[in-house]
Amino acid sequence: MKNRYMFYKKLYPYYVIVFIKNNKYRTMGIDKLLIKYLKNKDINYIIIDYKNNIVNKTYQNNKYKKYIIKEFLYYLVNEKYKNTQKNVEKC
């Protein structure tokens, strides 16, 4: 699945790549964080099944970059908070 993910990610860099396996959505990399935004209908995504059939959903206002930045900043704030809490517990 990793090779297929990398292949499709190079073809569609600003899309969330989603695979269907056992009737569940699966993805890798940064797209794991962005899969929760699919319900907003403002991020482009591609669904690929085991036969490599592609369902492409494209929206006029793609907010892929905005959500990447948002998730990255959220990660940074949480890591800084966790490190601060660990230092407080040691004291």
C-alpha atoms as a PDB file:
ATOM      1  CA  MET A   1       0.000   0.000   0.000  1.00  0.00           C
ATOM      2  CA  LYS A   2       2.920   2.349   0.673  1.00  0.00           C
ATOM      3  CA  ASN A   3       4.123   2.217  -2.941  1.00  0.00           C
ATOM      4  CA  ARG A   4       0.640   2.877  -4.275  1.00  0.00           C
ATOM      5  CA  TYR A   5       0.239   5.789  -1.853  1.00  0.00           C
ATOM      6  CA  MET A   6       3.525   7.383  -2.919  1.00  0.00           C
ATOM      7  CA  PHE A   7       2.660   6.933  -6.609  1.00  0.00           C
ATOM      8  CA  TYR A   8      -0.748   8.596  -6.319  1.00  0.00           C
ATOM      9  CA  LYS A   9       0.609  11.308  -4.015  1.00  0.00           C
ATOM     10  CA  LYS A  10       3.101  12.336  -6.685  1.00  0.00           C
ATOM     11  CA  LEU A  11       0.333  12.438  -9.279  1.00  0.00           C
ATOM     12  CA  TYR A  12      -2.075  14.355  -7.033  1.00  0.00           C
ATOM     13  CA  PRO A  13      -0.024  16.357  -4.504  1.00  0.00           C
ATOM     14  CA  TYR A  14      -2.902  18.519  -3.190  1.00  0.00           C
ATOM     15  CA  TYR A  15      -5.393  15.697  -2.726  1.00  0.00           C
ATOM     16  CA  VAL A  16      -6.026  13.424   0.215  1.00  0.00           C
ATOM     17  CA  ILE A  17      -5.357   9.866  -0.975  1.00  0.00           C
ATOM     18  CA  VAL A  18      -7.746   7.331   0.577  1.00  0.00           C
ATOM     19  CA  PHE A  19      -7.749   3.561   0.076  1.00  0.00           C
ATOM     20  CA  ILE A  20     -10.741   1.330   0.738  1.00  0.00           C
ATOM     21  CA  LYS A  21      -9.833  -1.903   2.490  1.00  0.00           C
ATOM     22  CA  ASN A  22     -12.462  -4.108   4.155  1.00  0.00           C
ATOM     23  CA  ASN A  23     -15.046  -1.317   3.736  1.00  0.00           C
ATOM     24  CA  LYS A  24     -12.907   1.074   5.812  1.00  0.00           C
ATOM     25  CA  TYR A  25     -10.970   4.159   4.773  1.00  0.00           C
ATOM     26  CA  ARG A  26      -7.206   3.851   5.132  1.00  0.00           C
ATOM     27  CA  THR A  27      -4.485   6.341   4.350  1.00  0.00           C
ATOM     28  CA  MET A  28      -0.878   7.154   5.191  1.00  0.00           C
ATOM     29  CA  GLY A  29       1.424  10.058   5.942  1.00  0.00           C
ATOM     30  CA  ILE A  30       0.039  13.533   6.433  1.00  0.00           C
ATOM     31  CA  ASP A  31      -3.280  12.429   4.972  1.00  0.00           C
ATOM     32  CA  LYS A  32      -4.042  10.584   8.217  1.00  0.00           C
ATOM     33  CA  LEU A  33      -4.459  13.949   9.890  1.00  0.00           C
ATOM     34  CA  LEU A  34      -6.550  15.366   7.052  1.00  0.00           C
ATOM     35  CA  ILE A  35      -9.034  12.519   6.645  1.00  0.00           C
ATOM     36  CA  LYS A  36     -11.310  14.069   9.284  1.00  0.00           C
ATOM     37  CA  TYR A  37     -11.836  17.121   7.036  1.00  0.00           C
ATOM     38  CA  LEU A  38     -13.416  15.142   4.189  1.00  0.00           C
ATOM     39  CA  LYS A  39     -16.886  15.694   5.641  1.00  0.00           C
ATOM     40  CA  ASN A  40     -16.474  19.499   5.275  1.00  0.00           C
ATOM     41  CA  LYS A  41     -16.564  19.146   1.473  1.00  0.00           C
ATOM     42  CA  ASP A  42     -13.859  21.736   0.928  1.00  0.00           C
ATOM     43  CA  ILE A  43     -10.833  19.490   0.442  1.00  0.00           C
ATOM     44  CA  ASN A  44     -10.090  17.456  -2.667  1.00  0.00           C
ATOM     45  CA  TYR A  45      -9.706  13.718  -2.250  1.00  0.00           C
ATOM     46  CA  ILE A  46      -9.327  10.507  -4.217  1.00  0.00           C
ATOM     47  CA  ILE A  47     -10.743   7.145  -3.180  1.00  0.00           C
ATOM     48  CA  ILE A  48      -8.956   4.072  -4.552  1.00  0.00           C
ATOM     49  CA  ASP A  49     -10.196   0.513  -4.175  1.00  0.00           C
ATOM     50  CA  TYR A  50      -8.216  -2.723  -4.434  1.00  0.00           C
ATOM     51  CA  LYS A  51      -8.713  -2.862  -8.238  1.00  0.00           C
ATOM     52  CA  ASN A  52      -7.264   0.655  -8.584  1.00  0.00           C
ATOM     53  CA  ASN A  53     -10.632   2.142  -9.520  1.00  0.00           C
ATOM     54  CA  ILE A  54     -10.455   5.841  -8.758  1.00  0.00           C
ATOM     55  CA  VAL A  55     -13.235   8.101  -7.503  1.00  0.00           C
ATOM     56  CA  ASN A  56     -12.094  11.699  -7.727  1.00  0.00           C
ATOM     57  CA  LYS A  57     -13.814  14.430  -5.693  1.00  0.00           C
ATOM     58  CA  THR A  58     -12.747  17.941  -6.641  1.00  0.00           C
ATOM     59  CA  TYR A  59     -14.096  21.090  -5.033  1.00  0.00           C
ATOM     60  CA  GLN A  60     -13.762  24.667  -6.192  1.00  0.00           C
ATOM     61  CA  ASN A  61     -12.281  25.932  -2.919  1.00  0.00           C
ATOM     62  CA  ASN A  62      -9.613  23.358  -2.053  1.00  0.00           C
ATOM     63  CA  LYS A  63      -8.287  24.071   1.454  1.00  0.00           C
ATOM     64  CA  TYR A  64      -5.630  21.343   1.505  1.00  0.00           C
ATOM     65  CA  LYS A  65      -2.757  23.717   2.315  1.00  0.00           C
ATOM     66  CA  LYS A  66      -4.767  25.519   4.988  1.00  0.00           C
ATOM     67  CA  TYR A  67      -5.560  22.266   6.799  1.00  0.00           C
ATOM     68  CA  ILE A  68      -1.929  21.111   6.604  1.00  0.00           C
ATOM     69  CA  ILE A  69      -0.769  24.323   8.288  1.00  0.00           C
ATOM     70  CA  LYS A  70      -3.551  24.081  10.863  1.00  0.00           C
ATOM     71  CA  GLU A  71      -2.638  20.498  11.814  1.00  0.00           C
ATOM     72  CA  PHE A  72       1.079  21.310  11.926  1.00  0.00           C
ATOM     73  CA  LEU A  73       0.524  24.233  14.303  1.00  0.00           C
ATOM     74  CA  TYR A  74      -1.796  22.134  16.460  1.00  0.00           C
ATOM     75  CA  TYR A  75       0.918  19.473  16.684  1.00  0.00           C
ATOM     76  CA  LEU A  76       3.556  22.035  17.681  1.00  0.00           C
ATOM     77  CA  VAL A  77       1.409  23.542  20.424  1.00  0.00           C
ATOM     78  CA  ASN A  78       0.524  20.138  21.865  1.00  0.00           C
ATOM     79  CA  GLU A  79       4.154  18.965  21.887  1.00  0.00           C
ATOM     80  CA  LYS A  80       5.286  22.160  23.613  1.00  0.00           C
ATOM     81  CA  TYR A  81       2.519  21.754  26.216  1.00  0.00           C
ATOM     82  CA  LYS A  82       3.448  18.099  26.855  1.00  0.00           C
ATOM     83  CA  ASN A  83       7.117  18.983  27.330  1.00  0.00           C
ATOM     84  CA  THR A  84       6.198  21.783  29.747  1.00  0.00           C
ATOM     85  CA  GLN A  85       4.018  19.425  31.794  1.00  0.00           C
ATOM     86  CA  LYS A  86       6.837  16.875  32.014  1.00  0.00           C
ATOM     87  CA  ASN A  87       9.238  19.538  33.323  1.00  0.00           C
ATOM     88  CA  VAL A  88       6.705  20.671  35.949  1.00  0.00           C
ATOM     89  CA  GLU A  89       6.199  17.093  37.191  1.00  0.00           C
ATOM     90  CA  LYS A  90       9.961  16.625  37.657  1.00  0.00           C
ATOM     91  CA  CYS A  91      10.195  19.618  39.990  1.00  0.00           C
END
